[in-house]
Protein backbone atom coordinates (compact mmCIF):
# COMPACT_ATOMS: atom_id res chain seq x y z
CA MET A 1 -27.75 1.77 226.52
CA CYS A 2 -26.53 -0.25 223.54
CA GLY A 3 -27.76 -1.62 220.24
CA ILE A 4 -28.24 -5.35 219.66
CA ILE A 5 -29.17 -7.41 216.60
CA GLY A 6 -29.79 -11.13 216.17
CA VAL A 7 -30.07 -13.01 212.86
CA SER A 8 -31.06 -16.63 212.25
CA GLY A 9 -31.24 -18.92 209.22
CA GLN A 10 -29.33 -16.69 206.78
CA LYS A 11 -26.36 -17.69 204.60
CA ASN A 12 -24.94 -14.19 204.97
CA ALA A 13 -25.89 -13.72 208.64
CA ALA A 14 -22.84 -11.56 209.45
CA GLN A 15 -23.55 -9.13 206.61
CA ILE A 16 -27.15 -8.79 207.73
CA ALA A 17 -26.04 -8.26 211.33
CA PHE A 18 -23.60 -5.60 210.13
CA LEU A 19 -26.35 -3.67 208.34
CA GLY A 20 -28.63 -4.04 211.34
CA LEU A 21 -25.93 -2.67 213.64
CA TYR A 22 -25.26 0.19 211.24
CA ALA A 23 -28.87 1.29 211.70
CA LEU A 24 -28.40 1.10 215.48
CA GLN A 25 -25.13 3.05 215.60
CA HIS A 26 -26.85 5.90 217.47
CA ARG A 27 -27.29 3.57 220.46
CA GLY A 28 -23.56 3.21 221.09
CA GLU A 29 -20.41 4.60 219.49
CA GLU A 30 -17.64 3.19 221.69
CA ALA A 31 -17.25 -0.30 220.22
CA ALA A 32 -18.90 -2.95 218.08
CA GLY A 33 -18.80 -6.70 217.57
CA ILE A 34 -20.45 -9.61 215.75
CA ALA A 35 -20.45 -13.30 216.68
CA THR A 36 -21.52 -16.06 214.26
CA TYR A 37 -21.95 -19.83 214.57
CA ASP A 38 -20.36 -21.72 211.67
CA GLY A 39 -21.74 -25.17 212.49
CA LYS A 40 -18.86 -26.11 214.80
CA ASP A 41 -17.85 -23.06 216.75
CA ILE A 42 -18.61 -19.39 217.37
CA ARG A 43 -16.53 -16.93 215.40
CA LEU A 44 -16.09 -13.47 216.88
CA VAL A 45 -14.85 -10.10 215.62
CA LYS A 46 -15.02 -7.10 217.92
CA LYS A 47 -13.07 -3.97 218.77
CA ARG A 48 -13.44 -0.35 219.76
CA GLY A 49 -14.73 2.03 217.11
CA LEU A 50 -17.76 2.66 214.93
CA VAL A 51 -19.53 -0.18 213.16
CA ALA A 52 -18.25 0.79 209.71
CA ASP A 53 -14.66 0.94 210.99
CA VAL A 54 -14.69 -2.35 212.89
CA PHE A 55 -15.89 -4.61 210.07
CA ASP A 56 -13.67 -4.49 207.00
CA ASP A 57 -13.61 -7.14 204.24
CA ARG A 58 -11.20 -9.33 206.18
CA ALA A 59 -13.37 -9.25 209.28
CA MET A 60 -16.50 -10.14 207.34
CA GLN A 61 -14.73 -13.10 205.70
CA GLU A 62 -13.94 -14.48 209.16
CA LEU A 63 -17.57 -14.34 210.24
CA GLN A 64 -18.96 -17.44 208.57
CA GLY A 65 -22.26 -18.99 209.65
CA THR A 66 -26.03 -18.78 209.38
CA VAL A 67 -26.69 -17.41 212.86
CA ALA A 68 -25.30 -14.15 214.27
CA ILE A 69 -25.61 -11.65 217.09
CA GLY A 70 -24.20 -8.12 217.04
CA HIS A 71 -23.64 -5.34 219.54
CA CYS A 72 -22.67 -1.65 219.49
CA ARG A 73 -21.61 -0.41 222.92
CA TYR A 74 -22.32 2.55 225.12
CA SER A 75 -20.84 1.71 228.50
CA THR A 76 -22.91 1.95 231.68
CA THR A 77 -21.18 -0.76 233.75
CA GLY A 78 -17.46 -1.19 233.21
CA SER A 79 -14.99 1.14 231.56
CA ASP A 80 -14.57 1.81 227.85
CA ASN A 81 -11.76 -0.61 227.01
CA HIS A 82 -11.11 -3.57 224.73
CA LYS A 83 -11.90 -6.31 227.26
CA ASN A 84 -15.44 -4.96 227.75
CA VAL A 85 -16.38 -4.97 224.07
CA GLN A 86 -19.32 -7.25 223.22
CA PRO A 87 -20.48 -9.81 222.22
CA PHE A 88 -18.79 -11.62 225.08
CA MET A 89 -18.01 -15.30 224.45
CA VAL A 90 -17.05 -18.27 226.62
CA ARG A 91 -16.84 -22.04 226.21
CA HIS A 92 -18.36 -24.29 228.83
CA LYS A 93 -18.29 -28.07 228.58
CA ARG A 94 -17.19 -27.70 224.96
CA ARG A 95 -20.24 -25.57 224.23
CA PRO A 96 -19.67 -21.98 223.02
CA ILE A 97 -21.95 -19.26 224.39
CA ALA A 98 -22.00 -15.61 223.27
CA ILE A 99 -24.01 -12.76 224.78
CA ALA A 100 -25.01 -9.23 223.72
CA HIS A 101 -26.63 -7.07 226.41
CA ASN A 102 -28.51 -3.76 226.36
CA GLY A 103 -29.35 -2.42 229.79
CA ASN A 104 -27.94 -2.46 233.30
CA LEU A 105 -28.33 -4.94 236.15
CA THR A 106 -28.97 -3.50 239.60
CA ASN A 107 -27.88 -6.53 241.66
CA THR A 108 -24.49 -6.79 239.96
CA GLU A 109 -22.41 -6.58 243.12
CA GLN A 110 -24.35 -9.25 245.00
CA LEU A 111 -24.22 -11.67 242.06
CA TYR A 112 -20.54 -10.98 241.45
CA GLN A 113 -19.58 -11.65 245.06
CA ARG A 114 -21.59 -14.87 245.15
CA LEU A 115 -20.08 -16.16 241.92
CA GLU A 116 -16.56 -15.21 242.95
CA GLU A 117 -16.95 -17.04 246.26
CA ASP A 118 -18.10 -20.08 244.27
CA GLY A 119 -14.91 -20.01 242.20
CA SER A 120 -15.80 -17.98 239.13
CA ILE A 121 -12.94 -16.09 237.49
CA PHE A 122 -13.98 -12.94 235.63
CA GLN A 123 -12.37 -11.62 232.46
CA THR A 124 -14.21 -8.27 232.22
CA THR A 125 -15.78 -5.62 234.44
CA MET A 126 -19.20 -5.81 232.75
CA ASP A 127 -22.38 -6.94 234.45
CA SER A 128 -23.12 -8.90 231.24
CA GLU A 129 -20.41 -11.47 232.05
CA ILE A 130 -22.25 -12.38 235.23
CA ILE A 131 -25.13 -13.75 233.16
CA VAL A 132 -22.80 -16.11 231.27
CA HIS A 133 -21.29 -17.40 234.54
CA LEU A 134 -24.78 -18.11 235.87
CA LEU A 135 -25.60 -20.05 232.71
CA ALA A 136 -22.41 -22.07 233.02
CA LYS A 137 -23.29 -23.01 236.61
CA SER A 138 -26.82 -24.13 235.79
CA LYS A 139 -27.34 -27.87 236.22
CA GLU A 140 -30.48 -27.84 234.07
CA LYS A 141 -30.01 -29.94 230.94
CA ASP A 142 -33.01 -28.39 229.21
CA LEU A 143 -31.95 -25.10 227.58
CA LYS A 144 -35.25 -23.37 228.23
CA LYS A 145 -35.33 -24.31 231.90
CA SER A 146 -31.71 -23.24 232.24
CA PHE A 147 -32.43 -19.74 230.92
CA VAL A 148 -35.45 -19.34 233.18
CA GLU A 149 -33.37 -20.44 236.18
CA VAL A 150 -30.70 -17.85 235.35
CA LEU A 151 -32.75 -14.84 234.27
CA VAL A 152 -35.05 -15.03 237.27
CA GLN A 153 -31.99 -14.17 239.39
CA LEU A 154 -31.36 -10.90 237.55
CA GLU A 155 -32.65 -7.53 238.72
CA GLY A 156 -32.65 -4.36 236.68
CA ALA A 157 -32.88 -3.73 232.97
CA TYR A 158 -31.92 -6.11 230.21
CA SER A 159 -32.64 -6.88 226.60
CA LEU A 160 -30.42 -9.84 225.77
CA LEU A 161 -29.34 -11.89 222.78
CA PHE A 162 -27.42 -15.16 222.99
CA LEU A 163 -25.82 -17.63 220.64
CA VAL A 164 -25.82 -21.14 222.10
CA ASP A 165 -24.50 -23.31 219.29
CA ASP A 166 -27.00 -22.71 216.47
CA VAL A 167 -29.80 -21.47 218.73
CA LEU A 168 -30.54 -17.74 218.84
CA VAL A 169 -32.02 -16.68 222.18
CA GLY A 170 -33.62 -13.32 222.95
CA ALA A 171 -34.90 -12.09 226.30
CA ARG A 172 -36.37 -8.99 227.90
CA ASP A 173 -36.63 -8.18 231.60
CA PRO A 174 -40.09 -8.41 233.22
CA HIS A 175 -40.37 -4.62 233.43
CA GLY A 176 -39.64 -4.11 229.72
CA VAL A 177 -37.23 -1.23 230.36
CA ARG A 178 -35.28 -1.49 227.10
CA PRO A 179 -36.87 -2.18 223.69
CA LEU A 180 -36.45 -5.38 221.68
CA CYS A 181 -38.49 -6.35 218.63
CA LEU A 182 -38.98 -9.38 216.42
CA GLY A 183 -38.95 -9.38 212.63
CA LYS A 184 -38.96 -11.84 209.76
CA LEU A 185 -36.62 -11.90 206.77
CA ASP A 186 -37.02 -14.44 203.96
CA GLY A 187 -38.95 -16.79 206.21
CA HIS A 188 -36.45 -16.59 209.09
CA TYR A 189 -36.39 -14.50 212.26
CA VAL A 190 -34.50 -11.37 213.22
CA MET A 191 -34.41 -9.52 216.55
CA ALA A 192 -33.24 -5.94 217.07
CA SER A 193 -33.30 -3.11 219.58
CA GLU A 194 -35.35 -0.92 217.24
CA SER A 195 -37.58 -1.38 214.21
CA CYS A 196 -35.42 1.02 212.12
CA SER A 197 -32.90 -1.82 211.96
CA LEU A 198 -35.54 -4.13 210.48
CA ASP A 199 -36.52 -1.44 207.96
CA LEU A 200 -32.97 -1.23 206.60
CA LEU A 201 -32.94 -5.01 206.18
CA HIS A 202 -36.35 -4.99 204.46
CA ALA A 203 -37.51 -7.34 207.20
CA GLU A 204 -41.16 -7.61 208.19
CA TYR A 205 -41.92 -6.21 211.64
CA VAL A 206 -43.73 -8.90 213.62
CA ARG A 207 -44.05 -7.63 217.20
CA GLU A 208 -42.19 -6.53 220.32
CA ILE A 209 -40.61 -9.18 222.50
CA GLU A 210 -42.82 -9.08 225.57
CA PRO A 211 -41.49 -8.11 229.01
CA GLY A 212 -40.40 -11.29 230.77
CA GLU A 213 -40.36 -13.31 227.54
CA ILE A 214 -37.50 -15.59 226.45
CA VAL A 215 -37.51 -16.48 222.75
CA PHE A 216 -35.67 -19.51 221.33
CA ILE A 217 -35.08 -19.57 217.57
CA LYS A 218 -33.56 -22.43 215.59
CA LYS A 219 -33.65 -22.06 211.81
CA ASP A 220 -37.29 -21.11 211.07
CA GLN A 221 -38.71 -22.47 214.34
CA ILE A 222 -39.57 -20.18 217.24
CA GLU A 223 -40.70 -20.93 220.78
CA SER A 224 -41.24 -18.72 223.82
CA VAL A 225 -41.19 -19.28 227.56
CA TYR A 226 -41.95 -16.71 230.24
CA LEU A 227 -40.35 -15.78 233.52
CA PRO A 228 -42.43 -16.58 236.60
CA GLY A 229 -44.07 -13.50 238.13
CA ARG A 230 -43.79 -11.42 234.97
CA ASP A 231 -47.49 -10.55 235.04
CA GLU A 232 -47.07 -9.00 238.50
CA ALA A 233 -43.98 -6.98 237.54
CA LYS A 234 -44.67 -3.28 237.04
CA LYS A 235 -44.03 -2.26 233.43
CA ALA A 236 -41.33 0.41 233.30
CA HIS A 237 -40.49 1.33 229.71
CA CYS A 238 -37.68 3.91 229.62
CA ILE A 239 -39.35 7.19 228.72
CA PHE A 240 -35.99 8.64 227.67
CA GLU A 241 -35.93 6.25 224.71
CA ASN A 242 -38.83 8.23 223.24
CA ILE A 243 -37.34 11.59 224.19
CA TYR A 244 -33.76 11.13 223.01
CA PHE A 245 -32.22 7.73 222.36
CA ALA A 246 -34.34 5.90 219.81
CA ARG A 247 -34.28 6.86 216.15
CA PRO A 248 -37.36 8.86 215.08
CA ASP A 249 -38.21 6.32 212.38
CA SER A 250 -38.47 3.52 214.95
CA ASN A 251 -41.59 2.14 216.57
CA ILE A 252 -40.97 1.26 220.21
CA PHE A 253 -43.30 0.66 223.14
CA MET A 254 -46.22 0.48 220.69
CA ASP A 255 -45.72 4.03 219.39
CA ASN A 256 -43.78 5.88 216.68
CA VAL A 257 -40.88 7.92 218.06
CA TYR A 258 -41.27 10.75 215.54
CA GLN A 259 -44.92 11.19 216.42
CA VAL A 260 -44.19 11.11 220.15
CA ARG A 261 -41.54 13.83 219.90
CA LYS A 262 -43.75 16.00 217.76
CA ARG A 263 -46.60 15.66 220.27
CA LEU A 264 -44.23 16.65 223.07
CA GLY A 265 -43.33 19.82 221.16
CA GLU A 266 -47.00 20.67 220.69
CA ARG A 267 -47.69 20.15 224.37
CA LEU A 268 -44.63 22.24 225.30
CA ALA A 269 -45.93 25.11 223.17
CA LYS A 270 -49.27 24.99 224.97
CA GLU A 271 -47.60 25.04 228.37
CA HIS A 272 -44.88 27.60 227.64
CA PRO A 273 -45.58 29.79 224.57
CA VAL A 274 -43.11 32.50 223.64
CA LYS A 275 -43.09 35.41 221.20
CA ALA A 276 -40.24 35.08 218.74
CA ASP A 277 -39.33 35.58 215.10
CA PHE A 278 -38.94 31.86 214.55
CA VAL A 279 -38.45 28.45 216.15
CA MET A 280 -35.28 26.43 215.69
CA SER A 281 -34.02 23.14 217.06
CA ILE A 282 -30.83 21.76 218.45
CA PRO A 283 -30.24 19.13 215.75
CA ASP A 284 -30.88 16.33 215.47
CA SER A 285 -32.71 15.12 218.56
CA GLY A 286 -34.59 18.40 219.06
CA ASN A 287 -35.88 18.60 215.46
CA TYR A 288 -39.23 16.90 215.89
CA ALA A 289 -40.28 18.58 219.14
CA ALA A 290 -39.30 21.92 217.57
CA LEU A 291 -41.48 21.17 214.55
CA GLY A 292 -44.45 20.44 216.79
CA PHE A 293 -43.74 23.56 218.86
CA ALA A 294 -43.62 25.79 215.77
CA GLN A 295 -46.76 24.35 214.22
CA GLU A 296 -48.74 24.71 217.46
CA LEU A 297 -47.81 28.42 217.76
CA LYS A 298 -47.96 29.03 213.99
CA LEU A 299 -44.40 30.36 214.02
CA PRO A 300 -41.86 29.85 211.21
CA PHE A 301 -39.48 26.94 211.63
CA GLU A 302 -35.90 27.74 210.60
CA VAL A 303 -32.58 25.93 210.65
CA GLY A 304 -30.19 28.05 212.71
CA LEU A 305 -27.55 25.42 213.42
CA ILE A 306 -25.85 23.03 211.01
CA ARG A 307 -24.63 19.74 212.43
CA ASN A 308 -21.32 18.13 211.58
CA HIS A 309 -22.48 14.51 211.23
CA TYR A 310 -18.99 13.12 211.71
CA ILE A 311 -19.07 14.03 215.39
CA GLY A 312 -20.91 11.68 217.75
CA ARG A 313 -23.45 12.44 220.46
CA THR A 314 -22.01 14.72 223.10
CA PHE A 315 -23.02 13.41 226.49
CA ILE A 316 -22.38 9.81 225.37
CA GLN A 317 -18.68 10.64 225.05
CA PRO A 318 -16.80 8.97 227.92
CA THR A 319 -14.85 11.95 229.28
CA GLN A 320 -15.65 15.61 229.94
CA PHE A 321 -12.73 16.70 227.75
CA LEU A 322 -14.19 14.86 224.75
CA ARG A 323 -17.68 16.16 225.53
CA ASP A 324 -16.42 19.76 225.59
CA PHE A 325 -14.56 19.27 222.30
CA SER A 326 -17.57 17.65 220.65
CA VAL A 327 -19.85 20.51 221.64
CA LYS A 328 -17.59 23.07 219.97
CA VAL A 329 -17.21 21.31 216.64
CA LYS A 330 -20.56 19.55 216.36
CA LEU A 331 -22.81 22.50 215.51
CA ASN A 332 -22.18 25.65 213.51
CA PRO A 333 -24.61 28.62 213.56
CA ILE A 334 -25.84 30.34 210.40
CA ARG A 335 -25.22 34.04 211.01
CA GLU A 336 -27.45 35.24 208.19
CA VAL A 337 -30.43 33.44 209.72
CA LEU A 338 -29.80 34.46 213.34
CA LYS A 339 -28.58 38.06 213.14
CA GLY A 340 -30.94 40.45 214.92
CA LYS A 341 -33.60 37.79 215.52
CA LYS A 342 -35.57 36.71 218.58
CA VAL A 343 -35.34 32.93 218.51
CA VAL A 344 -36.88 30.14 220.53
CA VAL A 345 -34.61 27.11 220.68
CA VAL A 346 -36.19 23.71 221.34
CA ASP A 347 -34.03 20.90 222.69
CA ASP A 348 -34.85 17.45 224.03
CA SER A 349 -33.09 17.79 227.41
CA ILE A 350 -30.49 19.50 229.56
CA VAL A 351 -28.19 17.13 231.46
CA ARG A 352 -25.09 18.87 232.79
CA GLY A 353 -25.81 22.31 231.33
CA THR A 354 -22.38 22.94 229.79
CA THR A 355 -23.52 21.84 226.33
CA SER A 356 -26.53 24.17 226.36
CA ARG A 357 -24.41 27.07 227.65
CA ASN A 358 -21.92 26.67 224.78
CA ARG A 359 -24.69 26.46 222.20
CA VAL A 360 -26.42 29.59 223.50
CA GLU A 361 -23.08 31.44 223.46
CA ALA A 362 -22.61 30.42 219.81
CA LEU A 363 -26.07 31.77 218.93
CA ARG A 364 -25.31 35.07 220.67
CA GLN A 365 -22.01 35.39 218.85
CA ALA A 366 -23.82 34.78 215.57
CA GLY A 367 -26.02 37.82 216.27
CA ALA A 368 -29.19 36.45 217.88
CA LYS A 369 -31.00 39.30 219.66
CA GLU A 370 -32.89 37.09 222.12
CA VAL A 371 -32.55 33.39 222.90
CA HIS A 372 -35.44 31.59 224.58
CA MET A 373 -35.00 27.89 225.32
CA ARG A 374 -37.76 25.31 225.63
CA ILE A 375 -37.06 21.72 226.71
CA SER A 376 -39.38 18.87 225.66
CA CYS A 377 -38.99 16.94 228.92
CA PRO A 378 -38.99 17.82 232.64
CA PRO A 379 -35.78 18.69 234.51
CA ILE A 380 -33.51 15.67 235.00
CA ILE A 381 -33.01 15.47 238.76
CA SER A 382 -32.03 11.85 239.42
CA PRO A 383 -29.45 9.41 238.04
CA CYS A 384 -30.45 6.40 235.97
CA PHE A 385 -29.45 2.87 237.03
CA TYR A 386 -31.12 1.06 234.14
CA GLY A 387 -28.78 1.71 231.24
CA ILE A 388 -28.31 5.47 230.71
CA ASP A 389 -25.13 7.19 231.86
CA PHE A 390 -26.68 9.80 234.16
CA PRO A 391 -24.09 8.86 236.77
CA SER A 392 -24.81 10.98 239.85
CA LYS A 393 -26.92 13.85 241.11
CA LYS A 394 -23.90 16.14 241.32
CA GLU A 395 -23.52 15.96 237.53
CA LEU A 396 -27.19 16.80 236.89
CA ILE A 397 -27.62 20.55 236.94
CA ALA A 398 -31.35 20.39 237.71
CA SER A 399 -30.79 18.28 240.83
CA ASP A 400 -29.70 21.30 242.88
CA HIS A 401 -30.58 24.34 240.75
CA THR A 402 -33.88 26.04 240.04
CA VAL A 403 -35.06 26.69 236.50
CA LYS A 404 -34.16 30.36 236.98
CA GLU A 405 -30.65 29.43 238.13
CA ILE A 406 -30.20 27.14 235.13
CA ALA A 407 -31.41 29.90 232.81
CA ASP A 408 -28.83 32.25 234.31
CA PHE A 409 -26.09 29.64 233.93
CA ILE A 410 -26.78 28.90 230.26
CA LYS A 411 -27.44 32.63 229.64
CA VAL A 412 -30.86 32.53 227.97
CA ASP A 413 -33.57 35.18 228.10
CA SER A 414 -36.06 32.56 229.28
CA LEU A 415 -36.11 28.84 229.97
CA ALA A 416 -39.03 26.43 230.42
CA TYR A 417 -39.43 22.67 230.62
CA LEU A 418 -42.32 20.41 229.72
CA SER A 419 -44.14 19.29 232.86
CA LEU A 420 -44.11 15.65 233.95
CA GLU A 421 -47.89 15.54 233.61
CA GLY A 422 -47.60 17.00 230.11
CA LEU A 423 -44.98 14.41 229.18
CA LEU A 424 -46.99 11.46 230.46
CA SER A 425 -50.19 12.72 228.85
CA GLU A 426 -48.60 12.26 225.41
CA MET A 427 -47.55 8.63 226.05
CA LYS A 428 -49.64 5.60 225.22
CA ASP A 429 -50.21 3.55 228.39
CA ARG A 430 -48.67 6.30 230.51
CA ALA A 431 -48.64 4.07 233.60
CA HIS A 432 -46.16 1.72 231.90
CA PHE A 433 -43.22 4.14 231.74
CA CYS A 434 -40.24 4.68 234.02
CA HIS A 435 -39.73 8.40 234.71
CA ALA A 436 -37.32 8.10 237.64
CA CYS A 437 -34.84 10.56 236.10
CA PHE A 438 -37.53 13.25 236.37
CA SER A 439 -39.41 12.17 239.49
CA GLY A 440 -36.94 10.18 241.57
CA GLU A 441 -39.50 7.36 241.73
CA TYR A 442 -37.60 4.17 240.90
CA PRO A 443 -39.76 1.23 239.77
CA ILE A 444 -36.95 -1.32 240.28
CA ASN A 445 -34.58 -1.63 243.23
CA ILE A 446 -31.48 0.50 242.73
CA PRO A 447 -27.97 -0.83 243.44
CA LYS A 448 -26.33 -0.38 246.84
CA THR A 449 -23.09 0.67 245.17
CA GLN A 450 -24.05 3.39 242.71
CA ASP A 451 -20.92 3.36 240.59
CA LYS A 452 -20.39 2.59 236.92
CA TYR A 453 -16.92 1.27 237.77
CA LEU A 454 -17.92 -0.87 240.76
CA LEU A 455 -16.19 -3.97 239.31
CA GLU A 456 -12.99 -2.17 238.33
CA GLY A 457 -10.04 -3.53 240.33
CA LYS A 458 -11.93 -6.71 241.21
CA CYS A 459 -11.27 -8.40 237.89
CA CYS A 460 -7.77 -9.43 236.88
CA GLY A 461 -8.78 -9.28 233.20
């Protein structure tokens, strides 16, 4: 899962892309990049680090042009290193092409082998590079037909942005797994992963890019084409976007994330009420479900943990060592609030269990008398192959442990999860969501080689 932004027809396109990426920082903290077209060539600045650290004054001066795409990375295919930072750019027949990708292809290995046998030489270990090679091999002279020819070969999840000379191209897979929206700024178009990015830019929200739609933007002109068979493709919006990833002030999948999370908390309270002195959240992602939970049970809502905002999301961190470190320094309990109290803690999910265990231990040490945990989604039992780093069943505690066993491991007095039926009942168009991580029912074919690093060692970089 990554954040992408596309800007067209703006004198200061790079600055606008920078601000848009800044609003999408929560979608990826490993690396960031911006590519612009200056009328002759694509200019590119990218490196590992947070958005604000990557783009200093010197970098912004290099990024001249009226069209731009930007990317902040959270790796799901390919390791976290400099060669895999996006946007990724190539030149083919003197034409520069840059790509920014959010999602994960599921037929990566098959496409890679075919392209390699045909003579392609790869520079990275990302599935995103495959798309550029396919574009370069297309014999279609018409840009629109070329993109249709290429994207119809892809399986899995993708929201894509391209720079092809001065044309900004956006595309979404036929299942609509990852979000992508269209906005308008000063008469010109902007595309972004989430509407919160448009809000920061004071851009008008126009609509979501439709599943299976390819949008071509040149200056203030826009045209769409559609992938064949898109109407028959089962819609599979990632339900975890609403639960955890997206910002609460965003509107995605035709709903407001804040409202969704609050409704989940209300439903959780109806399914699993608990007697306690107050309700608290694991900030920040658990805040809105906890608010709904507290209001439904008419219990006080208190802040028992203070977050250090200079520490990134824990399970996004690329190694277990960094995850463990982040957990310890990210949240600090308020002893005066917790001492002697029976508390119900609401969180959005439990993935590996180690994070929750450490947080519960911190609450106990701060004097909490009882700790009851409520989770605003079902147990995560299956890995995700569509752009979230739930890598394998063995790393998902709920895949081989009962709720009681998990409760014992994280050392809470009680533990309960929202049911899958309860979760789906709070979603608009419930049939249009992917819930494979909870149910094991995959709406799109999963890869034969289930490994984030499947291309490592194959590319000479």
